[in-house]
Amino acid sequence: MIPADIPIQHVQVEDRRIAYQETGEGRAVVLVHGNFASKRWFSDLLAAPPAGARLLALDLPNFGDSDPLGAPITIAAYAEAVRGFASALDLDRPALVGHSLGGAVVLEAAAADPEAWSALVLVDGSAPDGLTTPEEHYPLLDLFQGNGPLLKQALEPLLASRRPADFDDLVGDGLRMHPDAFRGNARALTGLDLAPRLAAYEGRVLVLRGGLDPLITAEMAQRTADAFTGTERVELETWDDVGHSPATEAPERFAARLGALLEALDAEEPAP
């Protein structure tokens, strides 16, 4: 559940308000959630942040407590909102953590401005060439609108090792997506071509995949890692005992891994 002592804040980014929660002190780390999701998917991490981390979990436009995107849904538009969020809060080269659809958003943000981010953590994220939803599945996306039991049934297999106590709240946040996003997010993930632009990124990268994830394959995770040809600081890890959401299914382990990455980063490049 969202920790009661961590207030929901808002920051103005162009003509929309972006909601977020912040906790911890140190290097800024922006947490970017996935599809049918919200900042709530990082609640356990926010409640116990790793040492040296200032965590900022946002709701992308069209999600949670943020305003609508107000533009055609593209991964680039979501990434521009993340870039605007970091700029509005004067974050100096924060690390980016992207989960699922948020992984594609982080890839686009890194491709658009490679110098802006000190590290990338891609958690069961879309590969640089996207994630294609078969056409016959689009009518099902429409059926999710307003149908909590059906969305719950779809999300349960993704959390293969642990369903959190606030799972019903996670489902509820999924239902709060802007109506256009139910189909629009799937369309936005189709036919991406980010790999050529990711070669310019020179920072540290962690590609993390849950071995029980039915959505993101090992081959997709490998393609993501292989796209970062401009840096030797790329790690690819598989946690065999978790599914699509390591930060939700194994929050303590995820916090420790994030903390270790930030510690290594600080040894190379002291936090601003």
Protein backbone atom coordinates (compact mmCIF):
# COMPACT_ATOMS: atom_id res chain seq x y z
CA MET A 1 0.00 0.00 0.00
CA ILE A 2 1.07 3.64 -0.44
CA PRO A 3 2.86 4.64 2.79
CA ALA A 4 0.60 7.02 4.68
CA ASP A 5 3.48 9.27 5.72
CA ILE A 6 4.67 9.90 2.14
CA PRO A 7 2.45 12.63 0.69
CA ILE A 8 1.35 12.71 -2.92
CA GLN A 9 2.81 15.84 -4.49
CA HIS A 10 2.31 17.51 -7.85
CA VAL A 11 4.62 19.43 -10.15
CA GLN A 12 3.61 21.44 -13.19
CA VAL A 13 5.11 20.13 -16.44
CA GLU A 14 4.02 22.33 -19.34
CA ASP A 15 0.21 22.31 -19.29
CA ARG A 16 -0.31 19.30 -17.03
CA ARG A 17 0.30 18.32 -13.42
CA ILE A 18 2.42 15.27 -12.70
CA ALA A 19 1.78 13.44 -9.41
CA TYR A 20 4.63 11.83 -7.51
CA GLN A 21 5.86 10.61 -4.16
CA GLU A 22 9.35 11.24 -2.84
CA THR A 23 11.37 9.59 -0.10
CA GLY A 24 15.01 9.11 0.89
CA GLU A 25 18.11 11.26 0.48
CA GLY A 26 21.00 11.18 -1.95
CA ARG A 27 21.21 10.62 -5.70
CA ALA A 28 17.88 11.23 -7.40
CA VAL A 29 16.25 8.12 -8.86
CA VAL A 30 13.10 8.55 -10.95
CA LEU A 31 10.82 5.49 -10.89
CA VAL A 32 8.69 5.00 -14.02
CA HIS A 33 5.84 2.48 -13.81
CA GLY A 34 4.34 0.28 -16.51
CA ASN A 35 1.00 -0.13 -18.27
CA PHE A 36 -2.19 -0.56 -16.19
CA ALA A 37 -0.12 0.76 -13.30
CA SER A 38 0.91 3.76 -11.20
CA LYS A 39 3.47 4.90 -8.67
CA ARG A 40 1.84 2.44 -6.26
CA TRP A 41 3.82 -0.41 -7.85
CA PHE A 42 6.91 1.05 -6.10
CA SER A 43 5.26 1.41 -2.68
CA ASP A 44 7.47 -1.10 -0.86
CA LEU A 45 10.59 0.51 -2.29
CA LEU A 46 9.39 3.96 -1.25
CA ALA A 47 8.72 2.70 2.27
CA ALA A 48 12.31 1.43 2.64
CA PRO A 49 14.58 3.24 0.19
CA PRO A 50 18.19 2.12 -0.15
CA ALA A 51 20.83 4.27 1.49
CA GLY A 52 22.00 7.13 -0.69
CA ALA A 53 18.87 7.20 -2.86
CA ARG A 54 16.33 9.95 -3.23
CA LEU A 55 13.42 8.12 -4.82
CA LEU A 56 10.79 9.92 -6.88
CA ALA A 57 7.95 7.69 -8.12
CA LEU A 58 5.73 9.48 -10.60
CA ASP A 59 2.43 8.79 -12.28
CA LEU A 60 2.90 9.18 -16.01
CA PRO A 61 0.32 11.37 -17.73
CA ASN A 62 -2.86 9.34 -18.35
CA PHE A 63 -2.25 7.36 -15.14
CA GLY A 64 -3.04 7.57 -11.43
CA ASP A 65 -3.18 11.06 -9.99
CA SER A 66 -1.56 12.82 -12.96
CA ASP A 67 -3.37 14.82 -15.61
CA PRO A 68 -4.09 13.35 -19.05
CA LEU A 69 -1.35 13.42 -21.65
CA GLY A 70 -3.40 15.75 -23.81
CA ALA A 71 -1.63 14.57 -26.96
CA PRO A 72 -1.45 11.47 -29.16
CA ILE A 73 -0.14 8.54 -27.14
CA THR A 74 3.44 7.71 -28.07
CA ILE A 75 6.39 6.44 -26.10
CA ALA A 76 8.19 9.64 -27.08
CA ALA A 77 5.39 11.74 -25.53
CA TYR A 78 5.62 9.81 -22.27
CA ALA A 79 9.42 10.16 -22.30
CA GLU A 80 9.13 13.89 -22.86
CA ALA A 81 6.92 14.07 -19.75
CA VAL A 82 9.61 12.26 -17.75
CA ARG A 83 12.24 14.65 -19.05
CA GLY A 84 10.01 17.58 -18.15
CA PHE A 85 9.42 16.13 -14.69
CA ALA A 86 13.17 15.91 -14.03
CA SER A 87 13.68 19.44 -15.32
CA ALA A 88 10.81 20.93 -13.31
CA LEU A 89 12.30 19.50 -10.10
CA ASP A 90 15.86 20.55 -11.05
CA LEU A 91 17.14 16.97 -10.85
CA ASP A 92 20.79 16.80 -11.85
CA ARG A 93 21.44 13.69 -13.96
CA PRO A 94 19.13 11.36 -12.03
CA ALA A 95 19.08 7.61 -12.49
CA LEU A 96 16.02 6.22 -14.24
CA VAL A 97 14.20 3.01 -13.31
CA GLY A 98 11.64 1.82 -15.85
CA HIS A 99 9.29 -1.12 -15.40
CA SER A 100 7.48 -2.80 -18.32
CA LEU A 101 6.06 0.00 -20.53
CA GLY A 102 8.11 2.31 -18.33
CA GLY A 103 11.19 0.51 -19.62
CA ALA A 104 10.37 1.65 -23.15
CA VAL A 105 9.80 5.17 -21.83
CA VAL A 106 13.22 5.12 -20.16
CA LEU A 107 14.85 3.82 -23.36
CA GLU A 108 13.31 6.70 -25.31
CA ALA A 109 14.36 9.24 -22.67
CA ALA A 110 17.93 7.95 -22.83
CA ALA A 111 17.91 7.99 -26.63
CA ALA A 112 16.53 11.54 -26.72
CA ASP A 113 19.03 12.96 -24.21
CA PRO A 114 21.89 10.54 -23.46
CA GLU A 115 23.75 12.97 -21.19
CA ALA A 116 20.80 13.63 -18.89
CA TRP A 117 20.82 10.35 -16.92
CA SER A 118 23.51 8.86 -14.72
CA ALA A 119 22.20 5.27 -14.88
CA LEU A 120 19.35 3.22 -16.32
CA VAL A 121 17.61 0.29 -14.65
CA LEU A 122 15.31 -1.55 -17.06
CA VAL A 123 13.03 -3.95 -15.21
CA ASP A 124 11.17 -6.45 -17.40
CA GLY A 125 10.88 -3.67 -19.93
CA SER A 126 9.99 -3.62 -23.58
CA ALA A 127 12.90 -4.30 -25.92
CA PRO A 128 14.15 -1.46 -28.16
CA ASP A 129 12.05 -2.82 -31.02
CA GLY A 130 8.91 -2.67 -28.90
CA LEU A 131 6.28 -5.18 -27.89
CA THR A 132 3.59 -6.13 -30.38
CA THR A 133 0.06 -6.89 -29.21
CA PRO A 134 -1.74 -9.21 -31.65
CA GLU A 135 -4.67 -7.53 -33.35
CA GLU A 136 -7.10 -10.11 -31.99
CA HIS A 137 -6.22 -8.99 -28.44
CA TYR A 138 -7.32 -5.38 -28.87
CA PRO A 139 -11.03 -6.06 -28.19
CA LEU A 140 -9.95 -7.55 -24.85
CA LEU A 141 -8.17 -4.29 -23.97
CA ASP A 142 -11.49 -2.51 -24.45
CA LEU A 143 -13.19 -4.97 -22.10
CA PHE A 144 -10.78 -4.08 -19.28
CA GLN A 145 -12.31 -0.61 -18.96
CA GLY A 146 -14.38 -0.56 -15.78
CA ASN A 147 -14.00 -4.31 -15.31
CA GLY A 148 -11.91 -4.88 -12.18
CA PRO A 149 -12.32 -8.67 -12.03
CA LEU A 150 -11.19 -9.09 -15.64
CA LEU A 151 -8.16 -6.81 -15.23
CA LYS A 152 -7.27 -8.60 -12.00
CA GLN A 153 -7.41 -11.91 -13.81
CA ALA A 154 -5.02 -10.54 -16.45
CA LEU A 155 -2.52 -9.07 -13.97
CA GLU A 156 -2.36 -11.99 -11.53
CA PRO A 157 -0.15 -14.25 -13.72
CA LEU A 158 2.40 -11.48 -14.09
CA LEU A 159 3.06 -11.46 -10.33
CA ALA A 160 4.23 -15.05 -10.39
CA SER A 161 5.94 -15.25 -7.00
CA ARG A 162 4.10 -12.79 -4.75
CA ARG A 163 0.83 -10.92 -4.88
CA PRO A 164 1.12 -7.88 -2.58
CA ALA A 165 -1.45 -7.16 0.10
CA ASP A 166 -2.64 -4.08 -1.78
CA PHE A 167 -3.13 -5.95 -5.06
CA ASP A 168 -6.76 -4.80 -5.32
CA ASP A 169 -5.52 -1.20 -5.10
CA LEU A 170 -3.02 -1.89 -7.89
CA VAL A 171 -5.88 -3.15 -10.03
CA GLY A 172 -7.93 -0.09 -9.11
CA ASP A 173 -5.14 2.19 -10.28
CA GLY A 174 -5.02 0.28 -13.55
CA LEU A 175 -8.69 1.05 -14.10
CA ARG A 176 -7.97 4.74 -13.62
CA MET A 177 -6.02 4.98 -16.87
CA HIS A 178 -7.30 7.44 -19.43
CA PRO A 179 -9.76 5.61 -21.72
CA ASP A 180 -7.58 6.26 -24.77
CA ALA A 181 -4.66 4.49 -23.08
CA PHE A 182 -6.26 1.05 -22.99
CA ARG A 183 -5.61 0.64 -26.70
CA GLY A 184 -3.23 3.56 -27.14
CA ASN A 185 -0.45 2.23 -24.93
CA ALA A 186 -0.37 -1.07 -26.82
CA ARG A 187 -0.26 0.79 -30.14
CA ALA A 188 2.55 3.01 -28.85
CA LEU A 189 4.72 -0.01 -28.05
CA THR A 190 4.35 -1.46 -31.54
CA GLY A 191 7.17 -1.07 -34.05
CA LEU A 192 9.71 0.88 -32.02
CA ASP A 193 13.24 1.26 -33.39
CA LEU A 194 15.30 2.65 -30.53
CA ALA A 195 18.48 0.57 -30.78
CA PRO A 196 20.38 2.82 -33.23
CA ARG A 197 19.87 5.84 -30.97
CA LEU A 198 20.81 4.02 -27.75
CA ALA A 199 24.41 3.63 -28.91
CA ALA A 200 25.01 7.22 -27.79
CA TYR A 201 24.30 6.41 -24.15
CA GLU A 202 27.54 5.95 -22.17
CA GLY A 203 26.30 5.49 -18.60
CA ARG A 204 25.70 2.48 -16.41
CA VAL A 205 22.87 0.13 -17.39
CA LEU A 206 21.18 -2.73 -15.53
CA VAL A 207 18.74 -4.92 -17.45
CA LEU A 208 16.79 -7.00 -14.93
CA ARG A 209 14.31 -9.72 -15.86
CA GLY A 210 12.19 -12.06 -13.77
CA GLY A 211 12.69 -15.60 -14.99
CA LEU A 212 8.99 -16.39 -14.46
CA ASP A 213 7.84 -13.44 -16.55
CA PRO A 214 5.41 -14.66 -19.24
CA LEU A 215 5.54 -11.34 -21.10
CA ILE A 216 9.20 -10.33 -21.49
CA THR A 217 11.37 -13.14 -22.84
CA ALA A 218 15.06 -13.76 -22.23
CA GLU A 219 15.70 -12.89 -25.88
CA MET A 220 14.01 -9.52 -25.45
CA ALA A 221 16.11 -8.73 -22.40
CA GLN A 222 19.25 -9.69 -24.31
CA ARG A 223 18.30 -7.40 -27.20
CA THR A 224 17.89 -4.57 -24.72
CA ALA A 225 21.33 -5.14 -23.23
CA ASP A 226 22.92 -5.51 -26.67
CA ALA A 227 21.57 -2.14 -27.81
CA PHE A 228 23.90 -0.23 -25.51
CA THR A 229 27.00 -0.47 -27.65
CA GLY A 230 28.39 2.85 -26.40
CA THR A 231 29.11 1.65 -22.87
CA GLU A 232 30.84 -1.33 -21.31
CA ARG A 233 28.95 -0.86 -18.05
CA VAL A 234 25.96 -3.00 -19.01
CA GLU A 235 24.71 -5.79 -16.77
CA LEU A 236 22.02 -8.32 -17.62
CA GLU A 237 20.50 -10.22 -14.71
CA THR A 238 17.74 -12.78 -14.43
CA TRP A 239 16.04 -13.53 -11.13
CA ASP A 240 14.72 -17.01 -11.74
CA ASP A 241 12.20 -17.03 -8.91
CA VAL A 242 10.18 -13.87 -9.71
CA GLY A 243 7.82 -12.82 -12.48
CA HIS A 244 7.17 -9.58 -14.32
CA SER A 245 7.65 -7.19 -11.39
CA PRO A 246 10.80 -7.79 -9.29
CA ALA A 247 10.33 -4.51 -7.39
CA THR A 248 6.86 -5.62 -6.27
CA GLU A 249 7.52 -9.33 -5.83
CA ALA A 250 10.94 -9.08 -4.13
CA PRO A 251 11.12 -5.48 -2.83
CA GLU A 252 13.90 -5.98 -0.29
CA ARG A 253 16.13 -7.70 -2.82
CA PHE A 254 15.34 -5.05 -5.39
CA ALA A 255 16.19 -2.25 -2.96
CA ALA A 256 19.49 -3.92 -2.14
CA ARG A 257 20.32 -4.34 -5.84
CA LEU A 258 19.45 -0.73 -6.60
CA GLY A 259 21.54 0.39 -3.65
CA ALA A 260 24.53 -1.62 -4.89
CA LEU A 261 24.22 -0.09 -8.34
CA LEU A 262 24.10 3.42 -6.91
CA GLU A 263 27.09 2.68 -4.69
CA ALA A 264 29.09 1.52 -7.71
CA LEU A 265 27.95 4.58 -9.62
CA ASP A 266 29.02 6.90 -6.80
CA ALA A 267 32.46 5.29 -6.80
CA GLU A 268 32.81 6.16 -10.48
CA GLU A 269 30.91 9.43 -10.49
CA PRO A 270 30.12 11.05 -7.13
CA ALA A 271 26.52 12.10 -6.77
CA PRO A 272 25.88 15.77 -7.62
